[in-house]
N, C-alpha and C. Protein backbone atom coordinates (compact mmCIF):
# COMPACT_ATOMS: atom_id res chain seq x y z
N MET A 1 -30.50 94.97 -52.45
CA MET A 1 -30.02 93.74 -53.06
C MET A 1 -30.26 93.80 -54.57
N THR A 2 -29.19 93.60 -55.34
CA THR A 2 -29.29 93.69 -56.79
C THR A 2 -29.61 92.31 -57.39
N TRP A 3 -30.03 92.33 -58.68
CA TRP A 3 -30.29 91.07 -59.35
C TRP A 3 -29.04 90.22 -59.47
N ALA A 4 -27.90 90.87 -59.66
CA ALA A 4 -26.63 90.13 -59.75
C ALA A 4 -26.35 89.39 -58.45
N GLU A 5 -26.63 90.03 -57.33
CA GLU A 5 -26.43 89.37 -56.03
C GLU A 5 -27.40 88.20 -55.85
N ILE A 6 -28.63 88.38 -56.32
CA ILE A 6 -29.62 87.30 -56.22
C ILE A 6 -29.19 86.11 -57.08
N TYR A 7 -28.74 86.39 -58.31
CA TYR A 7 -28.30 85.31 -59.19
C TYR A 7 -27.09 84.58 -58.59
N THR A 8 -26.17 85.36 -58.02
CA THR A 8 -24.97 84.74 -57.43
C THR A 8 -25.34 83.86 -56.24
N PHE A 9 -26.23 84.37 -55.38
CA PHE A 9 -26.66 83.59 -54.24
C PHE A 9 -27.37 82.31 -54.70
N THR A 10 -28.21 82.43 -55.72
CA THR A 10 -28.92 81.27 -56.24
C THR A 10 -27.96 80.21 -56.74
N LEU A 11 -26.90 80.65 -57.42
CA LEU A 11 -25.89 79.71 -57.91
C LEU A 11 -25.18 79.01 -56.76
N VAL A 12 -24.76 79.79 -55.76
CA VAL A 12 -24.06 79.21 -54.60
C VAL A 12 -24.96 78.23 -53.86
N ALA A 13 -26.20 78.65 -53.61
CA ALA A 13 -27.14 77.79 -52.89
C ALA A 13 -27.44 76.53 -53.68
N SER A 14 -27.57 76.65 -55.01
CA SER A 14 -27.86 75.49 -55.85
C SER A 14 -26.74 74.47 -55.78
N LEU A 15 -25.50 74.94 -55.85
CA LEU A 15 -24.36 74.03 -55.78
C LEU A 15 -24.31 73.32 -54.43
N LEU A 16 -24.62 74.04 -53.36
CA LEU A 16 -24.61 73.43 -52.04
C LEU A 16 -25.72 72.41 -51.89
N VAL A 17 -26.91 72.73 -52.40
CA VAL A 17 -28.04 71.80 -52.29
C VAL A 17 -27.77 70.53 -53.10
N MET A 18 -27.21 70.68 -54.30
CA MET A 18 -27.02 69.53 -55.18
C MET A 18 -25.80 68.70 -54.83
N SER A 19 -24.90 69.23 -54.00
CA SER A 19 -23.73 68.45 -53.61
C SER A 19 -24.16 67.32 -52.67
N PRO A 20 -23.50 66.16 -52.76
CA PRO A 20 -23.88 65.02 -51.91
C PRO A 20 -23.78 65.37 -50.43
N GLY A 21 -24.77 64.95 -49.66
CA GLY A 21 -24.79 65.25 -48.23
C GLY A 21 -25.86 64.46 -47.52
N PRO A 22 -26.04 64.73 -46.22
CA PRO A 22 -27.02 63.98 -45.42
C PRO A 22 -28.45 64.10 -45.93
N ASN A 23 -28.83 65.25 -46.51
CA ASN A 23 -30.20 65.40 -46.98
C ASN A 23 -30.54 64.42 -48.10
N GLY A 24 -29.67 64.34 -49.08
CA GLY A 24 -29.91 63.42 -50.18
C GLY A 24 -29.93 61.97 -49.73
N LEU A 25 -29.04 61.63 -48.81
CA LEU A 25 -29.02 60.26 -48.30
C LEU A 25 -30.28 59.94 -47.51
N LEU A 26 -30.77 60.92 -46.76
CA LEU A 26 -32.00 60.70 -46.00
C LEU A 26 -33.19 60.46 -46.93
N ILE A 27 -33.27 61.25 -48.00
CA ILE A 27 -34.34 61.07 -48.98
C ILE A 27 -34.23 59.69 -49.64
N ALA A 28 -33.00 59.33 -50.02
CA ALA A 28 -32.79 58.05 -50.68
C ALA A 28 -33.13 56.88 -49.78
N LYS A 29 -32.98 57.06 -48.49
CA LYS A 29 -33.31 55.99 -47.55
C LYS A 29 -34.80 55.96 -47.22
N THR A 30 -35.44 57.11 -47.24
CA THR A 30 -36.84 57.21 -46.83
C THR A 30 -37.82 56.75 -47.90
N VAL A 31 -37.64 57.24 -49.12
CA VAL A 31 -38.65 57.02 -50.18
C VAL A 31 -38.88 55.55 -50.51
N PRO A 32 -37.82 54.74 -50.72
CA PRO A 32 -38.08 53.35 -51.10
C PRO A 32 -38.85 52.55 -50.05
N THR A 33 -38.67 52.84 -48.77
CA THR A 33 -39.31 52.04 -47.73
C THR A 33 -40.56 52.68 -47.16
N SER A 34 -40.65 54.01 -47.21
CA SER A 34 -41.76 54.71 -46.56
C SER A 34 -42.65 55.47 -47.51
N GLY A 35 -42.25 55.59 -48.77
CA GLY A 35 -43.13 56.20 -49.74
C GLY A 35 -42.83 57.66 -50.03
N ARG A 36 -43.49 58.14 -51.08
CA ARG A 36 -43.28 59.51 -51.57
C ARG A 36 -43.67 60.56 -50.54
N GLN A 37 -44.78 60.34 -49.82
CA GLN A 37 -45.23 61.33 -48.85
C GLN A 37 -44.23 61.52 -47.73
N ALA A 38 -43.59 60.43 -47.30
CA ALA A 38 -42.58 60.54 -46.25
C ALA A 38 -41.38 61.34 -46.75
N GLY A 39 -41.05 61.17 -48.04
CA GLY A 39 -39.97 61.97 -48.61
C GLY A 39 -40.29 63.45 -48.60
N PHE A 40 -41.53 63.79 -48.94
CA PHE A 40 -41.93 65.20 -48.88
C PHE A 40 -41.96 65.72 -47.44
N ALA A 41 -42.26 64.83 -46.49
CA ALA A 41 -42.20 65.23 -45.08
C ALA A 41 -40.76 65.52 -44.68
N ASN A 42 -39.79 64.75 -45.22
CA ASN A 42 -38.38 65.07 -45.02
C ASN A 42 -38.07 66.48 -45.51
N ILE A 43 -38.54 66.79 -46.72
CA ILE A 43 -38.29 68.11 -47.30
C ILE A 43 -38.89 69.20 -46.43
N ALA A 44 -40.10 68.97 -45.92
CA ALA A 44 -40.73 69.96 -45.04
C ALA A 44 -39.87 70.20 -43.80
N GLY A 45 -39.25 69.13 -43.31
CA GLY A 45 -38.33 69.29 -42.18
C GLY A 45 -37.10 70.09 -42.55
N PHE A 46 -36.57 69.86 -43.76
CA PHE A 46 -35.43 70.66 -44.23
C PHE A 46 -35.79 72.15 -44.23
N VAL A 47 -36.96 72.44 -44.82
CA VAL A 47 -37.40 73.82 -44.97
C VAL A 47 -37.58 74.49 -43.61
N ALA A 48 -38.20 73.79 -42.67
CA ALA A 48 -38.40 74.35 -41.33
C ALA A 48 -37.06 74.67 -40.68
N ALA A 49 -36.08 73.79 -40.87
CA ALA A 49 -34.76 74.03 -40.28
C ALA A 49 -34.07 75.22 -40.95
N PHE A 50 -34.25 75.39 -42.26
CA PHE A 50 -33.65 76.54 -42.94
C PHE A 50 -34.21 77.85 -42.38
N TYR A 51 -35.52 77.90 -42.18
CA TYR A 51 -36.10 79.12 -41.63
C TYR A 51 -35.66 79.34 -40.19
N LEU A 52 -35.44 78.26 -39.45
CA LEU A 52 -34.92 78.41 -38.09
C LEU A 52 -33.53 79.03 -38.14
N HIS A 53 -32.66 78.50 -39.00
CA HIS A 53 -31.31 79.04 -39.11
C HIS A 53 -31.34 80.48 -39.62
N GLY A 54 -32.26 80.76 -40.56
CA GLY A 54 -32.38 82.13 -41.05
C GLY A 54 -32.80 83.08 -39.95
N ALA A 55 -33.77 82.67 -39.13
CA ALA A 55 -34.23 83.52 -38.03
C ALA A 55 -33.11 83.73 -37.01
N LEU A 56 -32.37 82.65 -36.71
CA LEU A 56 -31.27 82.77 -35.75
C LEU A 56 -30.18 83.70 -36.27
N SER A 57 -29.94 83.62 -37.57
CA SER A 57 -28.93 84.50 -38.17
C SER A 57 -29.36 85.96 -38.08
N VAL A 58 -30.65 86.22 -38.39
CA VAL A 58 -31.16 87.59 -38.32
C VAL A 58 -31.08 88.12 -36.89
N LEU A 59 -31.37 87.26 -35.93
CA LEU A 59 -31.33 87.67 -34.53
C LEU A 59 -29.92 87.73 -33.96
N GLY A 60 -28.96 87.19 -34.72
CA GLY A 60 -27.58 87.25 -34.27
C GLY A 60 -27.17 86.10 -33.39
N ILE A 61 -28.07 85.12 -33.18
CA ILE A 61 -27.73 84.01 -32.30
C ILE A 61 -26.71 83.09 -32.96
N SER A 62 -26.81 82.93 -34.28
CA SER A 62 -25.85 82.07 -34.96
C SER A 62 -24.43 82.62 -34.84
N ILE A 63 -24.32 83.96 -34.78
CA ILE A 63 -23.00 84.55 -34.60
C ILE A 63 -22.43 84.12 -33.26
N LEU A 64 -23.29 84.00 -32.26
CA LEU A 64 -22.84 83.55 -30.94
C LEU A 64 -22.28 82.13 -31.02
N LEU A 65 -22.90 81.28 -31.87
CA LEU A 65 -22.41 79.92 -32.01
C LEU A 65 -21.00 79.89 -32.57
N VAL A 66 -20.70 80.84 -33.44
CA VAL A 66 -19.36 80.89 -34.03
C VAL A 66 -18.36 81.53 -33.08
N GLN A 67 -18.78 82.56 -32.35
CA GLN A 67 -17.87 83.28 -31.48
C GLN A 67 -17.72 82.61 -30.12
N SER A 68 -18.70 81.85 -29.68
CA SER A 68 -18.63 81.16 -28.40
C SER A 68 -18.21 79.72 -28.63
N ALA A 69 -17.02 79.37 -28.13
CA ALA A 69 -16.51 78.01 -28.32
C ALA A 69 -17.42 76.98 -27.67
N LEU A 70 -17.95 77.30 -26.49
CA LEU A 70 -18.81 76.35 -25.77
C LEU A 70 -20.13 76.12 -26.51
N ALA A 71 -20.79 77.22 -26.93
CA ALA A 71 -22.07 77.09 -27.63
C ALA A 71 -21.89 76.34 -28.94
N PHE A 72 -20.82 76.66 -29.66
CA PHE A 72 -20.57 75.98 -30.93
C PHE A 72 -20.31 74.50 -30.71
N ALA A 73 -19.53 74.18 -29.65
CA ALA A 73 -19.20 72.78 -29.36
C ALA A 73 -20.45 71.98 -29.02
N VAL A 74 -21.36 72.59 -28.25
CA VAL A 74 -22.59 71.88 -27.85
C VAL A 74 -23.40 71.51 -29.09
N VAL A 75 -23.63 72.49 -29.98
CA VAL A 75 -24.40 72.23 -31.20
C VAL A 75 -23.67 71.24 -32.10
N LYS A 76 -22.36 71.40 -32.19
CA LYS A 76 -21.57 70.52 -33.06
C LYS A 76 -21.66 69.07 -32.61
N TYR A 77 -21.48 68.84 -31.32
CA TYR A 77 -21.50 67.46 -30.82
C TYR A 77 -22.90 66.86 -30.84
N LEU A 78 -23.92 67.69 -30.63
CA LEU A 78 -25.29 67.20 -30.76
C LEU A 78 -25.56 66.76 -32.20
N GLY A 79 -25.14 67.59 -33.14
CA GLY A 79 -25.33 67.25 -34.55
C GLY A 79 -24.55 66.01 -34.94
N ALA A 80 -23.29 65.91 -34.49
CA ALA A 80 -22.47 64.75 -34.79
C ALA A 80 -23.08 63.48 -34.20
N ALA A 81 -23.57 63.59 -32.96
CA ALA A 81 -24.18 62.43 -32.31
C ALA A 81 -25.43 61.97 -33.06
N TYR A 82 -26.22 62.93 -33.53
CA TYR A 82 -27.44 62.57 -34.26
C TYR A 82 -27.11 61.88 -35.58
N LEU A 83 -26.16 62.42 -36.33
CA LEU A 83 -25.78 61.82 -37.61
C LEU A 83 -25.20 60.42 -37.40
N CYS A 84 -24.35 60.28 -36.37
CA CYS A 84 -23.77 58.97 -36.08
C CYS A 84 -24.85 57.97 -35.65
N TRP A 85 -25.83 58.46 -34.90
CA TRP A 85 -26.92 57.59 -34.46
C TRP A 85 -27.71 57.06 -35.65
N ILE A 86 -28.02 57.94 -36.61
CA ILE A 86 -28.71 57.50 -37.82
C ILE A 86 -27.85 56.48 -38.56
N GLY A 87 -26.55 56.77 -38.67
CA GLY A 87 -25.64 55.88 -39.39
C GLY A 87 -25.55 54.50 -38.75
N VAL A 88 -25.37 54.47 -37.43
CA VAL A 88 -25.26 53.19 -36.73
C VAL A 88 -26.55 52.40 -36.85
N LYS A 89 -27.69 53.10 -36.72
CA LYS A 89 -28.99 52.42 -36.84
C LYS A 89 -29.15 51.81 -38.23
N SER A 90 -28.72 52.52 -39.27
CA SER A 90 -28.81 51.98 -40.63
C SER A 90 -27.90 50.77 -40.81
N LEU A 91 -26.69 50.84 -40.23
CA LEU A 91 -25.76 49.71 -40.34
C LEU A 91 -26.31 48.48 -39.63
N VAL A 92 -26.87 48.68 -38.45
CA VAL A 92 -27.45 47.56 -37.71
C VAL A 92 -28.58 46.91 -38.51
N THR A 93 -29.44 47.77 -39.10
CA THR A 93 -30.55 47.25 -39.91
C THR A 93 -30.03 46.49 -41.13
N ALA A 94 -28.97 47.01 -41.75
CA ALA A 94 -28.41 46.34 -42.93
C ALA A 94 -27.88 44.97 -42.57
N PHE A 95 -27.17 44.86 -41.45
CA PHE A 95 -26.63 43.57 -41.04
C PHE A 95 -27.74 42.62 -40.61
N GLN A 96 -28.77 43.14 -39.97
CA GLN A 96 -29.90 42.30 -39.59
C GLN A 96 -30.61 41.75 -40.81
N ASN A 97 -30.80 42.60 -41.82
CA ASN A 97 -31.48 42.17 -43.04
C ASN A 97 -30.67 41.12 -43.79
N SER A 98 -29.34 41.20 -43.70
CA SER A 98 -28.50 40.24 -44.41
C SER A 98 -28.63 38.85 -43.83
N ALA A 99 -29.11 38.79 -42.57
CA ALA A 99 -29.24 37.48 -41.93
C ALA A 99 -30.64 36.90 -42.08
N THR A 100 -31.55 37.65 -42.73
CA THR A 100 -32.92 37.17 -42.89
C THR A 100 -33.12 36.55 -44.24
N ALA A 101 -34.23 35.86 -44.42
CA ALA A 101 -34.52 35.23 -45.70
C ALA A 101 -34.76 36.28 -46.77
N PRO A 102 -34.32 36.05 -48.02
CA PRO A 102 -34.45 37.04 -49.09
C PRO A 102 -35.88 37.31 -49.51
N ALA A 103 -36.84 36.50 -49.04
CA ALA A 103 -38.22 36.70 -49.47
C ALA A 103 -38.93 37.78 -48.69
N VAL A 104 -38.28 38.33 -47.68
CA VAL A 104 -38.92 39.35 -46.86
C VAL A 104 -39.14 40.60 -47.70
N THR A 105 -40.34 41.15 -47.69
CA THR A 105 -40.67 42.35 -48.45
C THR A 105 -40.59 43.57 -47.55
N PRO A 106 -39.86 44.63 -47.94
CA PRO A 106 -39.77 45.83 -47.10
C PRO A 106 -41.14 46.44 -46.88
N ALA A 107 -41.33 46.98 -45.71
CA ALA A 107 -42.60 47.63 -45.40
C ALA A 107 -42.78 48.85 -46.28
N LYS A 108 -44.02 49.11 -46.70
CA LYS A 108 -44.27 50.25 -47.57
C LYS A 108 -44.23 51.57 -46.81
N ARG A 109 -44.45 51.53 -45.51
CA ARG A 109 -44.41 52.77 -44.73
C ARG A 109 -43.83 52.47 -43.36
N THR A 110 -42.49 52.55 -43.26
CA THR A 110 -41.84 52.29 -41.99
C THR A 110 -41.70 53.56 -41.17
N ARG A 111 -41.97 54.71 -41.78
CA ARG A 111 -41.90 55.97 -41.06
C ARG A 111 -43.25 56.67 -41.14
N THR A 112 -43.70 57.21 -40.03
CA THR A 112 -44.87 58.07 -40.07
C THR A 112 -44.43 59.41 -40.63
N LEU A 113 -45.38 60.19 -41.10
CA LEU A 113 -45.03 61.50 -41.65
C LEU A 113 -44.40 62.41 -40.59
N PRO A 114 -44.93 62.45 -39.35
CA PRO A 114 -44.26 63.28 -38.33
C PRO A 114 -42.82 62.84 -38.07
N LYS A 115 -42.59 61.51 -38.07
CA LYS A 115 -41.22 61.03 -37.84
C LYS A 115 -40.30 61.45 -38.98
N ALA A 116 -40.80 61.34 -40.22
CA ALA A 116 -40.00 61.76 -41.37
C ALA A 116 -39.70 63.25 -41.32
N PHE A 117 -40.69 64.04 -40.90
CA PHE A 117 -40.49 65.49 -40.76
C PHE A 117 -39.41 65.78 -39.73
N VAL A 118 -39.49 65.13 -38.58
CA VAL A 118 -38.52 65.37 -37.50
C VAL A 118 -37.12 64.96 -37.96
N GLU A 119 -37.01 63.85 -38.67
CA GLU A 119 -35.70 63.43 -39.18
C GLU A 119 -35.10 64.49 -40.10
N GLY A 120 -35.92 65.00 -41.01
CA GLY A 120 -35.44 66.04 -41.91
C GLY A 120 -35.06 67.31 -41.16
N PHE A 121 -35.88 67.67 -40.17
CA PHE A 121 -35.62 68.89 -39.40
C PHE A 121 -34.33 68.76 -38.60
N LEU A 122 -34.16 67.66 -37.87
CA LEU A 122 -32.98 67.51 -37.02
C LEU A 122 -31.70 67.38 -37.83
N THR A 123 -31.80 66.74 -39.00
CA THR A 123 -30.62 66.59 -39.85
C THR A 123 -30.02 67.95 -40.20
N ASN A 124 -30.86 68.97 -40.32
CA ASN A 124 -30.38 70.32 -40.66
C ASN A 124 -30.26 71.23 -39.46
N ALA A 125 -31.21 71.13 -38.52
CA ALA A 125 -31.19 72.04 -37.36
C ALA A 125 -29.97 71.83 -36.49
N LEU A 126 -29.47 70.58 -36.40
CA LEU A 126 -28.32 70.27 -35.55
C LEU A 126 -27.01 70.29 -36.33
N ASN A 127 -27.03 70.90 -37.48
CA ASN A 127 -25.83 70.96 -38.31
C ASN A 127 -25.28 72.39 -38.33
N PRO A 128 -24.20 72.65 -37.59
CA PRO A 128 -23.65 74.01 -37.56
C PRO A 128 -23.13 74.47 -38.91
N LYS A 129 -22.91 73.54 -39.84
CA LYS A 129 -22.49 73.94 -41.19
C LYS A 129 -23.58 74.78 -41.86
N VAL A 130 -24.84 74.46 -41.57
CA VAL A 130 -25.93 75.23 -42.15
C VAL A 130 -25.92 76.65 -41.60
N SER A 131 -25.70 76.77 -40.29
CA SER A 131 -25.59 78.11 -39.70
C SER A 131 -24.45 78.88 -40.31
N MET A 132 -23.32 78.21 -40.50
CA MET A 132 -22.15 78.89 -41.06
C MET A 132 -22.39 79.29 -42.51
N PHE A 133 -23.20 78.49 -43.24
CA PHE A 133 -23.55 78.88 -44.61
C PHE A 133 -24.31 80.20 -44.60
N TYR A 134 -25.30 80.30 -43.71
CA TYR A 134 -26.07 81.54 -43.63
C TYR A 134 -25.21 82.70 -43.16
N LEU A 135 -24.34 82.44 -42.22
CA LEU A 135 -23.47 83.52 -41.73
C LEU A 135 -22.49 83.97 -42.80
N ALA A 136 -22.03 83.03 -43.62
CA ALA A 136 -21.07 83.38 -44.67
C ALA A 136 -21.76 84.03 -45.85
N ALA A 137 -23.00 83.61 -46.14
CA ALA A 137 -23.67 84.09 -47.34
C ALA A 137 -24.36 85.43 -47.14
N PHE A 138 -25.08 85.56 -46.02
CA PHE A 138 -25.89 86.76 -45.82
C PHE A 138 -25.11 88.06 -45.87
N PRO A 139 -23.96 88.17 -45.18
CA PRO A 139 -23.23 89.45 -45.22
C PRO A 139 -22.80 89.85 -46.63
N GLN A 140 -22.62 88.85 -47.52
CA GLN A 140 -22.16 89.16 -48.87
C GLN A 140 -23.28 89.62 -49.79
N PHE A 141 -24.51 89.28 -49.45
CA PHE A 141 -25.62 89.57 -50.36
C PHE A 141 -26.64 90.54 -49.78
N ILE A 142 -26.42 91.01 -48.57
CA ILE A 142 -27.40 91.89 -47.93
C ILE A 142 -26.74 93.21 -47.55
N THR A 143 -27.40 94.30 -47.90
CA THR A 143 -26.98 95.62 -47.47
C THR A 143 -27.70 95.93 -46.17
N MET A 144 -26.93 96.14 -45.13
CA MET A 144 -27.54 96.37 -43.83
C MET A 144 -28.39 97.63 -43.84
N GLY A 145 -29.55 97.54 -43.24
CA GLY A 145 -30.46 98.68 -43.19
C GLY A 145 -31.81 98.23 -42.73
N GLU A 146 -32.81 99.03 -42.99
CA GLU A 146 -34.15 98.72 -42.52
C GLU A 146 -34.70 97.45 -43.14
N SER A 147 -34.30 97.14 -44.38
CA SER A 147 -34.85 95.98 -45.08
C SER A 147 -33.95 94.76 -45.00
N SER A 148 -32.92 94.78 -44.14
CA SER A 148 -31.97 93.68 -44.10
C SER A 148 -32.64 92.38 -43.67
N ALA A 149 -33.56 92.42 -42.70
CA ALA A 149 -34.25 91.22 -42.25
C ALA A 149 -35.10 90.63 -43.37
N ALA A 150 -35.82 91.51 -44.10
CA ALA A 150 -36.64 91.04 -45.21
C ALA A 150 -35.77 90.41 -46.30
N SER A 151 -34.61 91.03 -46.56
CA SER A 151 -33.70 90.48 -47.56
C SER A 151 -33.18 89.12 -47.14
N ALA A 152 -32.87 88.99 -45.84
CA ALA A 152 -32.37 87.72 -45.33
C ALA A 152 -33.39 86.61 -45.52
N PHE A 153 -34.64 86.88 -45.17
CA PHE A 153 -35.67 85.85 -45.31
C PHE A 153 -36.01 85.59 -46.78
N PHE A 154 -35.79 86.57 -47.64
CA PHE A 154 -35.96 86.33 -49.07
C PHE A 154 -34.92 85.33 -49.55
N LEU A 155 -33.69 85.45 -49.05
CA LEU A 155 -32.65 84.50 -49.42
C LEU A 155 -32.97 83.11 -48.86
N VAL A 156 -33.52 83.05 -47.65
CA VAL A 156 -33.95 81.76 -47.10
C VAL A 156 -35.02 81.15 -47.99
N PHE A 157 -35.94 82.00 -48.46
CA PHE A 157 -37.01 81.53 -49.35
C PHE A 157 -36.43 80.96 -50.64
N LEU A 158 -35.44 81.65 -51.21
CA LEU A 158 -34.79 81.14 -52.42
C LEU A 158 -34.12 79.79 -52.15
N HIS A 159 -33.44 79.71 -51.01
CA HIS A 159 -32.77 78.47 -50.63
C HIS A 159 -33.77 77.32 -50.50
N THR A 160 -34.92 77.59 -49.89
CA THR A 160 -35.92 76.54 -49.73
C THR A 160 -36.54 76.13 -51.07
N LEU A 161 -36.72 77.09 -51.98
CA LEU A 161 -37.25 76.76 -53.31
C LEU A 161 -36.30 75.83 -54.05
N ILE A 162 -35.01 76.16 -54.01
CA ILE A 162 -34.01 75.33 -54.68
C ILE A 162 -33.97 73.94 -54.06
N ASN A 163 -33.97 73.91 -52.72
CA ASN A 163 -33.94 72.65 -51.99
C ASN A 163 -35.16 71.78 -52.32
N THR A 164 -36.35 72.41 -52.32
CA THR A 164 -37.58 71.69 -52.60
C THR A 164 -37.60 71.15 -54.02
N ALA A 165 -37.18 71.96 -54.99
CA ALA A 165 -37.18 71.53 -56.38
C ALA A 165 -36.23 70.36 -56.60
N TRP A 166 -35.04 70.45 -56.03
CA TRP A 166 -34.03 69.40 -56.23
C TRP A 166 -34.47 68.08 -55.62
N PHE A 167 -34.93 68.13 -54.38
CA PHE A 167 -35.27 66.88 -53.71
C PHE A 167 -36.63 66.34 -54.15
N THR A 168 -37.51 67.21 -54.67
CA THR A 168 -38.74 66.70 -55.29
C THR A 168 -38.40 65.89 -56.52
N LEU A 169 -37.45 66.37 -57.31
CA LEU A 169 -37.00 65.62 -58.48
C LEU A 169 -36.43 64.27 -58.05
N MET A 170 -35.65 64.27 -56.97
CA MET A 170 -35.08 63.01 -56.47
C MET A 170 -36.19 62.05 -56.03
N ILE A 171 -37.21 62.58 -55.34
CA ILE A 171 -38.32 61.75 -54.87
C ILE A 171 -39.06 61.13 -56.05
N LEU A 172 -39.32 61.93 -57.08
CA LEU A 172 -40.05 61.44 -58.25
C LEU A 172 -39.26 60.35 -58.98
N LEU A 173 -37.94 60.53 -59.07
CA LEU A 173 -37.10 59.53 -59.71
C LEU A 173 -37.09 58.23 -58.91
N LEU A 174 -36.95 58.36 -57.58
CA LEU A 174 -36.96 57.17 -56.74
C LEU A 174 -38.31 56.46 -56.78
N SER A 175 -39.39 57.24 -56.88
CA SER A 175 -40.71 56.65 -56.94
C SER A 175 -40.91 55.86 -58.23
N ARG A 176 -40.36 56.37 -59.33
CA ARG A 176 -40.49 55.67 -60.62
C ARG A 176 -39.68 54.37 -60.61
N MET A 177 -38.65 54.34 -59.79
CA MET A 177 -37.83 53.13 -59.69
C MET A 177 -38.21 52.33 -58.45
N ALA A 178 -39.46 52.44 -58.03
CA ALA A 178 -39.89 51.85 -56.76
C ALA A 178 -39.65 50.35 -56.71
N LYS A 179 -39.90 49.66 -57.82
CA LYS A 179 -39.76 48.20 -57.81
C LYS A 179 -38.32 47.80 -57.55
N ALA A 180 -37.39 48.48 -58.23
CA ALA A 180 -35.98 48.14 -58.06
C ALA A 180 -35.46 48.57 -56.69
N THR A 181 -35.87 49.78 -56.26
CA THR A 181 -35.33 50.30 -55.00
C THR A 181 -35.96 49.66 -53.77
N SER A 182 -37.07 48.94 -53.95
CA SER A 182 -37.69 48.30 -52.79
C SER A 182 -37.20 46.86 -52.58
N SER A 183 -36.33 46.38 -53.48
CA SER A 183 -35.81 45.03 -53.32
C SER A 183 -34.94 44.95 -52.07
N GLN A 184 -34.89 43.76 -51.48
CA GLN A 184 -34.15 43.63 -50.23
C GLN A 184 -32.66 43.86 -50.43
N ARG A 185 -32.12 43.38 -51.54
CA ARG A 185 -30.69 43.56 -51.79
C ARG A 185 -30.35 45.05 -51.90
N PHE A 186 -31.18 45.80 -52.65
CA PHE A 186 -30.94 47.24 -52.78
C PHE A 186 -31.02 47.92 -51.42
N GLN A 187 -32.06 47.56 -50.64
CA GLN A 187 -32.23 48.17 -49.33
C GLN A 187 -31.05 47.88 -48.40
N ARG A 188 -30.55 46.65 -48.47
CA ARG A 188 -29.41 46.29 -47.61
C ARG A 188 -28.19 47.12 -47.97
N TRP A 189 -27.91 47.21 -49.27
CA TRP A 189 -26.76 48.01 -49.70
C TRP A 189 -26.97 49.49 -49.39
N LEU A 190 -28.19 49.99 -49.61
CA LEU A 190 -28.46 51.40 -49.35
C LEU A 190 -28.29 51.73 -47.88
N LYS A 191 -28.83 50.85 -47.02
CA LYS A 191 -28.70 51.10 -45.58
C LYS A 191 -27.25 51.02 -45.14
N GLY A 192 -26.50 50.09 -45.72
CA GLY A 192 -25.09 49.99 -45.38
C GLY A 192 -24.31 51.22 -45.79
N ILE A 193 -24.53 51.67 -47.05
CA ILE A 193 -23.85 52.87 -47.53
C ILE A 193 -24.28 54.09 -46.74
N THR A 194 -25.60 54.19 -46.47
CA THR A 194 -26.11 55.31 -45.68
C THR A 194 -25.47 55.33 -44.30
N GLY A 195 -25.38 54.16 -43.69
CA GLY A 195 -24.79 54.10 -42.36
C GLY A 195 -23.35 54.57 -42.34
N VAL A 196 -22.55 54.08 -43.29
CA VAL A 196 -21.14 54.47 -43.33
C VAL A 196 -20.99 55.97 -43.58
N VAL A 197 -21.78 56.49 -44.54
CA VAL A 197 -21.65 57.90 -44.90
C VAL A 197 -22.12 58.81 -43.76
N PHE A 198 -23.24 58.45 -43.12
CA PHE A 198 -23.74 59.29 -42.02
C PHE A 198 -22.76 59.29 -40.85
N VAL A 199 -22.20 58.13 -40.52
CA VAL A 199 -21.18 58.09 -39.46
C VAL A 199 -19.99 58.94 -39.87
N GLY A 200 -19.61 58.86 -41.16
CA GLY A 200 -18.51 59.69 -41.65
C GLY A 200 -18.80 61.17 -41.53
N PHE A 201 -20.04 61.59 -41.90
CA PHE A 201 -20.43 62.99 -41.74
C PHE A 201 -20.37 63.40 -40.27
N GLY A 202 -20.84 62.51 -39.39
CA GLY A 202 -20.82 62.82 -37.97
C GLY A 202 -19.41 63.01 -37.45
N LEU A 203 -18.50 62.10 -37.83
CA LEU A 203 -17.11 62.22 -37.38
C LEU A 203 -16.43 63.45 -37.98
N LYS A 204 -16.77 63.77 -39.23
CA LYS A 204 -16.21 64.95 -39.86
C LYS A 204 -16.71 66.21 -39.16
N LEU A 205 -17.97 66.17 -38.73
CA LEU A 205 -18.55 67.31 -38.05
C LEU A 205 -17.84 67.60 -36.73
N VAL A 206 -17.35 66.54 -36.06
CA VAL A 206 -16.65 66.70 -34.79
C VAL A 206 -15.40 67.58 -34.98
N SER A 207 -14.74 67.45 -36.15
CA SER A 207 -13.53 68.22 -36.40
C SER A 207 -13.79 69.60 -36.96
N LEU A 208 -15.08 69.95 -37.16
CA LEU A 208 -15.41 71.25 -37.75
C LEU A 208 -15.10 72.38 -36.77
N LYS A 209 -14.48 73.42 -37.28
CA LYS A 209 -14.17 74.60 -36.48
C LYS A 209 -14.71 75.84 -37.17
N PRO A 210 -15.14 76.85 -36.40
CA PRO A 210 -15.60 78.09 -37.02
C PRO A 210 -14.50 78.69 -37.86
N SER A 211 -14.85 79.09 -39.07
CA SER A 211 -13.84 79.64 -39.98
C SER A 211 -14.10 81.10 -40.32
N LEU A 212 -15.04 81.75 -39.58
CA LEU A 212 -15.38 83.14 -39.90
C LEU A 212 -14.67 84.10 -38.99
């Protein structure tokens, strides 16, 4: 693996991490109500899922998901169902909050750290797009041979560093705006937008087809 390949992979991974998606929305929903530590637990879940996808790619199981229509469909619909479930739950909460008195103060920790970790993990582990990213990226940046597995996990490590840096910045920004982001009106709008977008991601995922 050359430095040019590493730089190119870093650029591609950075653009994917920084593009709007379920991870950013999950962080934006978690930090204002559950705190900075819960946001970092989300990130830990992201990282664990990346290493899972990296290991599956190295073992060739992710290729099976792309080549097997049944296996791909199972993972796809599980992921879509999970995203839609998060979206519907956020919408229900937003509508419930709109019917309550405005003096209600959001709880400072509505998620335990294990729950935040699991949410982050499932958001990525059940997303076949992540598997397809690894399947599309690895063959372009890895020379097959004795060190191919080590190279693959090095790329996963780079991906996790970029992901951690980007979402840590997001957590710190949200924490500095804690007073504004913890207001009931902001929370209601955030939950509503989160709900619509997550349901949209879930429905979009249903139409996803292997393109490799």
